[in-house]
Amino acid sequence: MRALVVTVGSQGDLQPFLALGQRLLAEGHDVMFSASDSYAAHAEAVGVPFSGRPTVDEAEVEEYYTRLAGTKDKLRQLTITVEVLAREQRAAVPELMALAGEADVVIHPPLAVAAVAAARAVGTPHVSVHHAWPLRRARGYGPTNIDFGTIGNALAWSITGLAVRRATDKSLNPVVTTAGLPPWRDIIFDASHSPRLNLIATSPHTLPRDPLFGPTYRTTGYWFLDEPEYVPPDDLAAFVADEPPVVIGFGSNNGFDSDAVTEQLLQAVRGLGRRVVLQSGWAKLGAEELPPNIFLADFVPHGWLYARAACVVHHGGPGTAAAAFRAGIPQAAVWLQGDQLHWGRRIAQLGVGPPSRNHHALNARWLRGTIDRLLTDSGMADRARALGAAVREEDGTGVAVRAIEEVFAARY
């Protein structure tokens, strides 16, 4: 089988798809991985064949995150995201059509509209991949991942569908028509669904299956990337050796005053009596001078760091939350956009962390109280350990590959 795997977004969005690519290759299939060319070296390092797309200008990315951080309105955030994605994806359509024409299946996340349009234009079936509840009508949750009851959820989906259509179809239809297709309606919802197979790449222990999901929706377990053996800097290895640290980092979230946020973080951990690893992330958190109990780190693989941590405060990204679930440590989310709010809620619902916090409401007092609870709540720690053991037993990429083989066996 020849699989084209297409991704959009940050490195955290990329990692699970690289894991799937690795597993497909290990099972004897051919893979081509399409993403921003800034990730070429990463794909090469894990042995996945790569086809790069032009990288979005750094100034445009910074402007995008500044606009996101400037509003709490989730529909407005979606509109901003779609505007940026539409420009990049429209340019990618011709290359994706060529790649899809050589593939037996195209595998993509919901927002990769260009991949879906390219696949449909050349007649190649596609598989959608979800890292939270799918964006489709459900009985047990509404479009904001809150359960309003059966009638309330149905009404919420209808209202949200109309609002999303008005906010995004105009921006995304040029992507569709560039593939030579007539305009679509409800593009975000349409591109999120495959008539053949939809993979929910989360654990059944963290995300229950909705009664309205049909047989084309399958929960696989998480997709964790097997990276080359990570060798930490000597100073970091020594820092985490004596006691498990508190880890704080907000990943790709950006567009806010990093100096002001750093000051809140420093106030929160002053007098904590524990070591703290502060990950600078895209926002470049940190200061020129830090107390000796704080280690400022750039990129460190979650699999390595979280396995040595006492707890973590993060941005609520699905991959980051998954890594903390697997590590079996308590966690808390400070969310800004997209499905970060969803995972912040799930962390609290699962009892492995306290209620999440909107990034705009982050302050030292809340953060200190949250860290204190993460470190001292024995029930929370027990639930996190039990969940971690269950997640580590899963074979997410194996289940996904078998599902893909089962559905598309006749094509290869």
Protein backbone atom coordinates (compact mmCIF):
# COMPACT_ATOMS: atom_id res chain seq x y z
CA MET A 1 0.00 0.00 0.00
CA ARG A 2 1.19 3.50 -0.84
CA ALA A 3 0.16 6.05 1.77
CA LEU A 4 0.40 9.82 1.53
CA VAL A 5 0.41 11.36 5.02
CA VAL A 6 -0.33 15.10 5.10
CA THR A 7 -0.05 17.33 8.15
CA VAL A 8 -0.48 20.99 9.07
CA GLY A 9 0.50 22.90 12.20
CA SER A 10 3.34 22.78 14.71
CA GLN A 11 5.73 20.01 15.69
CA GLY A 12 3.23 18.73 18.21
CA ASP A 13 0.74 18.25 15.36
CA LEU A 14 3.41 16.52 13.29
CA GLN A 15 4.66 13.94 15.80
CA PRO A 16 1.73 11.49 15.82
CA PHE A 17 1.65 11.37 12.02
CA LEU A 18 5.38 10.63 11.89
CA ALA A 19 4.71 7.80 14.34
CA LEU A 20 2.06 6.42 12.00
CA GLY A 21 4.45 6.80 9.06
CA GLN A 22 7.10 4.81 10.94
CA ARG A 23 4.64 2.02 11.69
CA LEU A 24 3.35 1.86 8.11
CA LEU A 25 6.93 1.52 6.89
CA ALA A 26 7.65 -1.18 9.49
CA GLU A 27 4.63 -3.12 8.25
CA GLY A 28 5.97 -3.10 4.69
CA HIS A 29 4.02 -0.19 3.17
CA ASP A 30 5.32 2.79 1.19
CA VAL A 31 4.94 6.22 2.78
CA MET A 32 5.33 9.80 1.60
CA PHE A 33 5.05 12.45 4.30
CA SER A 34 3.98 15.97 3.30
CA ALA A 35 4.47 18.90 5.70
CA SER A 36 6.18 22.27 5.97
CA ASP A 37 9.75 21.96 4.69
CA SER A 38 10.99 23.23 8.07
CA TYR A 39 10.35 19.69 9.35
CA ALA A 40 12.42 17.90 6.69
CA ALA A 41 15.31 17.17 9.06
CA HIS A 42 12.95 15.81 11.70
CA ALA A 43 11.33 13.40 9.26
CA GLU A 44 14.73 12.30 7.98
CA ALA A 45 15.93 11.66 11.54
CA VAL A 46 13.12 9.18 12.15
CA GLY A 47 13.41 7.57 8.72
CA VAL A 48 10.18 8.75 7.08
CA PRO A 49 10.35 9.82 3.37
CA PHE A 50 9.46 13.49 3.10
CA SER A 51 8.06 15.97 0.60
CA GLY A 52 8.25 19.57 1.84
CA ARG A 53 5.84 22.41 1.29
CA PRO A 54 6.91 26.08 1.54
CA THR A 55 7.23 27.26 5.13
CA VAL A 56 4.92 30.03 6.28
CA ASP A 57 6.87 33.24 6.82
CA GLU A 58 8.00 33.64 10.43
CA ALA A 59 6.57 37.15 10.64
CA GLU A 60 3.20 35.82 9.47
CA VAL A 61 3.28 33.10 12.14
CA GLU A 62 4.04 35.68 14.82
CA GLU A 63 1.21 37.90 13.59
CA TYR A 64 -1.13 34.90 13.60
CA TYR A 65 -0.42 34.05 17.24
CA THR A 66 -0.68 37.70 18.26
CA ARG A 67 -4.15 37.85 16.72
CA LEU A 68 -5.13 34.58 18.41
CA ALA A 69 -3.92 35.75 21.81
CA GLY A 70 -5.86 38.98 21.35
CA THR A 71 -9.29 37.34 21.42
CA LYS A 72 -11.13 34.84 23.62
CA ASP A 73 -13.81 34.23 20.98
CA LYS A 74 -13.31 30.64 19.73
CA LEU A 75 -15.19 31.27 16.48
CA ARG A 76 -12.99 34.28 15.81
CA GLN A 77 -9.92 32.16 16.58
CA LEU A 78 -11.11 29.55 14.09
CA THR A 79 -11.64 32.23 11.44
CA ILE A 80 -8.11 33.57 11.98
CA THR A 81 -6.65 30.07 11.77
CA VAL A 82 -8.53 29.25 8.58
CA GLU A 83 -7.43 32.48 6.89
CA VAL A 84 -3.77 31.57 7.46
CA LEU A 85 -4.23 27.91 6.50
CA ALA A 86 -6.15 28.76 3.34
CA ARG A 87 -3.29 30.77 1.86
CA GLU A 88 -0.73 28.05 2.53
CA GLN A 89 -2.98 25.19 1.45
CA ARG A 90 -4.16 26.74 -1.79
CA ALA A 91 -0.54 26.95 -2.95
CA ALA A 92 -0.01 23.30 -1.97
CA VAL A 93 -2.91 21.85 -3.96
CA PRO A 94 -1.06 21.10 -7.25
CA GLU A 95 1.74 19.20 -5.50
CA LEU A 96 -0.71 17.34 -3.25
CA MET A 97 -2.76 16.31 -6.29
CA ALA A 98 0.38 14.87 -7.90
CA LEU A 99 1.31 12.99 -4.71
CA ALA A 100 -2.26 11.79 -4.12
CA GLY A 101 -2.42 10.48 -7.68
CA GLU A 102 0.43 8.10 -6.85
CA ALA A 103 -1.06 6.94 -3.53
CA ASP A 104 -3.59 4.32 -2.54
CA VAL A 105 -4.77 6.36 0.44
CA VAL A 106 -4.36 9.91 1.76
CA ILE A 107 -4.22 10.32 5.55
CA HIS A 108 -4.83 13.77 7.03
CA PRO A 109 -6.04 15.85 10.02
CA PRO A 110 -9.38 17.71 9.80
CA LEU A 111 -7.91 21.11 8.88
CA ALA A 112 -5.89 19.77 5.93
CA VAL A 113 -8.57 20.77 3.44
CA ALA A 114 -6.06 20.80 0.56
CA ALA A 115 -5.30 17.12 1.17
CA VAL A 116 -8.99 16.19 1.06
CA ALA A 117 -9.61 18.28 -2.06
CA ALA A 118 -6.56 16.79 -3.78
CA ALA A 119 -7.59 13.24 -2.89
CA ARG A 120 -11.15 13.70 -4.13
CA ALA A 121 -9.98 15.45 -7.30
CA VAL A 122 -7.80 12.49 -8.35
CA GLY A 123 -10.09 9.78 -6.99
CA THR A 124 -7.89 8.55 -4.11
CA PRO A 125 -9.72 7.60 -0.89
CA HIS A 126 -8.82 9.51 2.25
CA VAL A 127 -8.70 8.83 5.99
CA SER A 128 -9.27 11.57 8.57
CA VAL A 129 -7.39 11.55 11.87
CA HIS A 130 -8.68 13.19 15.06
CA HIS A 131 -6.82 13.98 18.28
CA ALA A 132 -9.97 14.97 20.18
CA TRP A 133 -13.65 14.26 19.70
CA PRO A 134 -14.45 14.59 15.98
CA LEU A 135 -16.10 17.75 14.74
CA ARG A 136 -19.42 16.12 13.95
CA ARG A 137 -22.89 15.86 15.44
CA ALA A 138 -22.80 13.76 18.61
CA ARG A 139 -25.16 12.76 21.39
CA GLY A 140 -22.77 13.03 24.32
CA TYR A 141 -21.07 16.36 23.59
CA GLY A 142 -21.66 19.67 21.85
CA PRO A 143 -19.33 21.58 19.52
CA THR A 144 -17.46 23.07 22.49
CA ASN A 145 -17.03 19.55 23.95
CA ILE A 146 -19.54 20.32 26.71
CA ASP A 147 -22.53 18.01 27.18
CA PHE A 148 -25.73 20.09 27.05
CA GLY A 149 -27.98 17.02 27.00
CA THR A 150 -29.39 15.26 23.94
CA ILE A 151 -31.66 18.10 22.79
CA GLY A 152 -29.20 20.83 23.78
CA ASN A 153 -26.35 19.15 21.93
CA ALA A 154 -28.42 18.79 18.76
CA LEU A 155 -29.41 22.46 18.89
CA ALA A 156 -25.82 23.55 19.61
CA TRP A 157 -24.48 21.57 16.64
CA SER A 158 -27.05 23.16 14.30
CA ILE A 159 -26.27 26.71 15.44
CA THR A 160 -22.51 26.15 15.39
CA GLY A 161 -22.64 24.55 11.95
CA LEU A 162 -24.27 27.66 10.51
CA ALA A 163 -21.81 29.98 12.26
CA VAL A 164 -18.75 27.99 11.16
CA ARG A 165 -20.00 27.85 7.58
CA ARG A 166 -20.39 31.62 7.45
CA ALA A 167 -17.01 32.18 9.07
CA THR A 168 -14.89 29.77 7.04
CA ASP A 169 -16.42 28.61 3.73
CA LYS A 170 -15.48 31.81 1.90
CA SER A 171 -11.81 31.48 2.88
CA LEU A 172 -11.55 27.76 2.19
CA ASN A 173 -13.46 27.38 -1.08
CA PRO A 174 -10.54 28.78 -3.15
CA VAL A 175 -8.56 25.76 -1.88
CA VAL A 176 -11.31 23.45 -3.14
CA THR A 177 -11.73 25.14 -6.52
CA THR A 178 -7.96 25.16 -7.11
CA ALA A 179 -8.26 21.35 -7.20
CA GLY A 180 -10.81 21.73 -10.03
CA LEU A 181 -13.77 20.88 -7.83
CA PRO A 182 -17.02 22.84 -7.47
CA PRO A 183 -17.38 24.83 -4.22
CA TRP A 184 -18.28 22.88 -1.10
CA ARG A 185 -20.62 23.76 1.72
CA ASP A 186 -19.70 23.32 5.38
CA ILE A 187 -16.09 22.71 4.39
CA ILE A 188 -14.68 22.34 7.90
CA PHE A 189 -17.21 19.62 8.71
CA ASP A 190 -16.97 17.97 5.29
CA ALA A 191 -13.18 17.76 5.28
CA SER A 192 -13.24 16.37 8.83
CA HIS A 193 -15.09 13.25 7.72
CA SER A 194 -14.16 10.35 5.46
CA PRO A 195 -16.88 8.03 4.17
CA ARG A 196 -14.42 5.12 4.48
CA LEU A 197 -12.42 5.48 7.70
CA ASN A 198 -11.93 8.02 10.50
CA LEU A 199 -9.29 7.33 13.13
CA ILE A 200 -9.53 8.81 16.64
CA ALA A 201 -5.90 8.73 17.75
CA THR A 202 -6.58 8.94 21.47
CA SER A 203 -6.94 6.37 24.23
CA PRO A 204 -10.35 4.91 25.02
CA HIS A 205 -9.31 5.52 28.63
CA THR A 206 -9.16 9.29 28.04
CA LEU A 207 -11.93 9.82 25.48
CA PRO A 208 -15.11 7.69 25.48
CA ARG A 209 -16.78 6.76 22.22
CA ASP A 210 -19.99 8.66 21.41
CA PRO A 211 -23.12 6.58 20.69
CA LEU A 212 -23.66 8.38 17.36
CA PHE A 213 -20.26 7.38 15.94
CA GLY A 214 -20.79 4.86 13.16
CA PRO A 215 -18.55 1.95 12.17
CA THR A 216 -16.28 4.22 10.13
CA TYR A 217 -15.01 5.83 13.37
CA ARG A 218 -12.39 3.82 15.26
CA THR A 219 -10.49 4.73 18.43
CA THR A 220 -6.94 3.43 18.16
CA GLY A 221 -4.99 4.56 21.20
CA TYR A 222 -2.36 7.29 21.09
CA TRP A 223 0.36 7.47 18.42
CA PHE A 224 3.70 8.05 20.13
CA LEU A 225 6.79 8.70 18.03
CA ASP A 226 9.84 6.50 18.48
CA GLU A 227 12.60 9.07 18.13
CA PRO A 228 16.34 8.40 18.06
CA GLU A 229 17.75 7.91 21.55
CA TYR A 230 17.75 11.32 23.18
CA VAL A 231 20.96 12.32 24.92
CA PRO A 232 20.29 15.29 27.24
CA PRO A 233 22.85 17.97 27.98
CA ASP A 234 24.92 17.05 31.02
CA ASP A 235 23.56 19.95 33.06
CA LEU A 236 19.95 18.98 32.38
CA ALA A 237 20.61 15.32 33.18
CA ALA A 238 22.21 16.34 36.48
CA PHE A 239 19.40 18.78 37.29
CA VAL A 240 16.65 16.13 37.07
CA ALA A 241 18.68 13.30 38.60
CA ASP A 242 18.21 14.09 42.30
CA GLU A 243 14.46 14.71 42.42
CA PRO A 244 11.60 14.75 39.88
CA PRO A 245 11.11 18.39 38.84
CA VAL A 246 8.02 20.44 38.14
CA VAL A 247 7.85 21.07 34.38
CA ILE A 248 6.29 24.23 32.96
CA GLY A 249 5.99 25.02 29.25
CA PHE A 250 3.42 26.29 26.78
CA GLY A 251 4.68 24.69 23.58
CA SER A 252 3.83 26.53 20.37
CA ASN A 253 1.55 29.08 22.06
CA ASN A 254 2.82 32.55 21.27
CA GLY A 255 1.65 36.10 20.68
CA PHE A 256 1.60 37.21 24.32
CA ASP A 257 4.00 39.22 26.46
CA SER A 258 6.56 36.54 27.29
CA ASP A 259 8.37 38.76 29.81
CA ALA A 260 5.17 39.35 31.76
CA VAL A 261 4.29 35.64 31.71
CA THR A 262 7.83 34.72 32.79
CA GLU A 263 7.51 37.10 35.75
CA GLN A 264 4.26 35.40 36.83
CA LEU A 265 5.94 32.01 36.57
CA LEU A 266 8.91 33.15 38.66
CA GLN A 267 6.64 34.58 41.34
CA ALA A 268 4.68 31.34 41.45
CA VAL A 269 7.68 29.09 42.06
CA ARG A 270 9.54 31.42 44.43
CA GLY A 271 10.03 29.54 47.71
CA LEU A 272 8.52 26.36 46.22
CA GLY A 273 11.35 24.19 47.48
CA ARG A 274 11.33 22.11 44.29
CA ARG A 275 13.34 22.13 41.11
CA VAL A 276 11.56 23.48 38.04
CA VAL A 277 12.28 22.88 34.36
CA LEU A 278 10.96 25.84 32.37
CA GLN A 279 10.64 25.11 28.65
CA SER A 280 11.04 28.30 26.65
CA GLY A 281 8.79 27.23 23.74
CA TRP A 282 7.86 29.41 20.81
CA ALA A 283 7.18 32.34 23.15
CA LYS A 284 10.81 32.26 24.37
CA LEU A 285 9.89 32.19 28.04
CA GLY A 286 12.71 32.78 30.51
CA ALA A 287 14.97 35.53 31.75
CA GLU A 288 18.65 36.40 31.69
CA GLU A 289 19.00 35.50 35.36
CA LEU A 290 17.03 32.69 36.95
CA PRO A 291 17.08 31.25 40.46
CA PRO A 292 19.25 28.13 40.83
CA ASN A 293 16.19 25.90 41.25
CA ILE A 294 14.98 26.75 37.70
CA PHE A 295 16.51 25.16 34.60
CA LEU A 296 15.69 26.90 31.31
CA ALA A 297 15.35 24.35 28.51
CA ASP A 298 14.59 24.62 24.84
CA PHE A 299 13.32 21.49 23.07
CA VAL A 300 13.36 18.34 25.18
CA PRO A 301 11.31 15.30 24.07
CA HIS A 302 8.27 14.89 26.27
CA GLY A 303 8.85 11.15 26.49
CA TRP A 304 12.21 11.70 28.15
CA LEU A 305 11.38 14.72 30.32
CA TYR A 306 7.94 13.73 31.60
CA ALA A 307 9.18 10.28 32.60
CA ARG A 308 11.46 12.09 35.07
CA ALA A 309 8.96 14.77 36.20
CA ALA A 310 6.75 15.09 39.26
CA CYS A 311 4.04 17.03 37.40
CA VAL A 312 3.61 19.34 34.41
CA VAL A 313 1.80 22.59 33.62
CA HIS A 314 1.34 22.95 29.87
CA HIS A 315 -0.78 24.55 27.15
CA GLY A 316 -3.29 21.75 26.71
CA GLY A 317 -2.09 20.58 23.32
CA PRO A 318 -3.34 17.05 22.57
CA GLY A 319 0.14 15.62 22.08
CA THR A 320 1.44 17.21 25.26
CA ALA A 321 -1.53 16.00 27.30
CA ALA A 322 -1.08 12.52 25.82
CA ALA A 323 2.59 12.47 26.81
CA ALA A 324 1.68 13.40 30.39
CA PHE A 325 -1.06 10.74 30.44
CA ARG A 326 1.50 8.14 29.31
CA ALA A 327 4.04 9.29 31.89
CA GLY A 328 1.45 8.83 34.63
CA ILE A 329 1.97 12.26 36.22
CA PRO A 330 -0.55 14.91 37.35
CA GLN A 331 -0.96 17.80 34.91
CA ALA A 332 -2.71 21.14 34.46
CA ALA A 333 -3.52 23.09 31.30
CA VAL A 334 -3.31 26.82 30.58
CA TRP A 335 -5.13 26.98 27.26
CA LEU A 336 -5.26 29.55 24.52
CA GLN A 337 -6.92 28.12 21.41
CA GLY A 338 -8.49 25.21 19.56
CA ASP A 339 -8.73 21.84 21.29
CA GLN A 340 -6.51 22.98 24.16
CA LEU A 341 -9.65 23.90 26.10
CA HIS A 342 -11.09 20.46 25.42
CA TRP A 343 -8.05 18.67 26.81
CA GLY A 344 -7.93 21.00 29.78
CA ARG A 345 -11.46 19.90 30.61
CA ARG A 346 -10.72 16.22 30.05
CA ILE A 347 -7.71 16.38 32.40
CA ALA A 348 -9.97 17.63 35.19
CA GLN A 349 -12.80 15.21 34.35
CA LEU A 350 -10.39 12.29 34.51
CA GLY A 351 -9.22 13.44 37.93
CA VAL A 352 -5.55 13.67 36.95
CA GLY A 353 -5.39 17.46 37.23
CA PRO A 354 -7.30 20.50 38.51
CA PRO A 355 -9.62 22.66 36.36
CA SER A 356 -7.83 24.34 33.45
CA ARG A 357 -7.17 28.07 33.12
CA ASN A 358 -7.54 30.43 30.17
CA HIS A 359 -4.17 31.93 29.27
CA HIS A 360 -5.58 35.44 29.73
CA ALA A 361 -6.36 34.60 33.37
CA LEU A 362 -2.94 33.16 34.22
CA ASN A 363 -1.44 34.65 37.37
CA ALA A 364 1.13 33.68 39.99
CA ARG A 365 -1.39 32.97 42.73
CA TRP A 366 -3.38 30.50 40.64
CA LEU A 367 -0.25 28.84 39.31
CA ARG A 368 1.29 28.37 42.77
CA GLY A 369 -1.92 26.88 44.13
CA THR A 370 -2.15 24.59 41.12
CA ILE A 371 1.43 23.36 41.46
CA ASP A 372 0.96 22.78 45.20
CA ARG A 373 -2.08 20.63 44.49
CA LEU A 374 -0.33 18.71 41.68
CA LEU A 375 2.47 17.88 44.12
CA THR A 376 0.36 16.96 47.16
CA ASP A 377 -2.96 15.46 46.00
CA SER A 378 -2.37 11.72 46.49
CA GLY A 379 -5.66 10.73 44.87
CA MET A 380 -4.77 12.70 41.78
CA ALA A 381 -1.34 11.07 41.67
CA ASP A 382 -2.84 7.57 42.04
CA ARG A 383 -5.30 8.18 39.18
CA ALA A 384 -2.54 9.57 36.97
CA ARG A 385 -0.34 6.51 37.62
CA ALA A 386 -3.19 4.11 36.84
CA LEU A 387 -4.06 5.98 33.65
CA GLY A 388 -0.42 6.00 32.59
CA ALA A 389 -0.18 2.23 33.02
CA ALA A 390 -3.30 1.73 30.87
CA VAL A 391 -2.09 4.07 28.11
CA ARG A 392 1.33 2.40 27.99
CA GLU A 393 -0.35 -0.94 27.30
CA GLU A 394 -1.92 0.34 24.08
CA ASP A 395 -0.58 -0.07 20.55
CA GLY A 396 -2.16 2.93 18.86
CA THR A 397 -0.22 2.92 15.59
CA GLY A 398 -0.60 -0.84 15.29
CA VAL A 399 -4.37 -0.62 15.64
CA ALA A 400 -4.44 2.24 13.12
CA VAL A 401 -2.39 0.37 10.52
CA ARG A 402 -4.55 -2.71 10.82
CA ALA A 403 -7.69 -0.61 10.38
CA ILE A 404 -6.25 1.05 7.27
CA GLU A 405 -5.17 -2.30 5.85
CA GLU A 406 -8.59 -3.79 6.49
CA VAL A 407 -10.48 -0.98 4.75
CA PHE A 408 -8.13 -0.46 1.82
CA ALA A 409 -6.78 -3.99 1.26
CA ALA A 410 -8.57 -4.25 -2.10
CA ARG A 411 -6.60 -1.31 -3.51
CA TYR A 412 -3.12 -2.82 -3.24
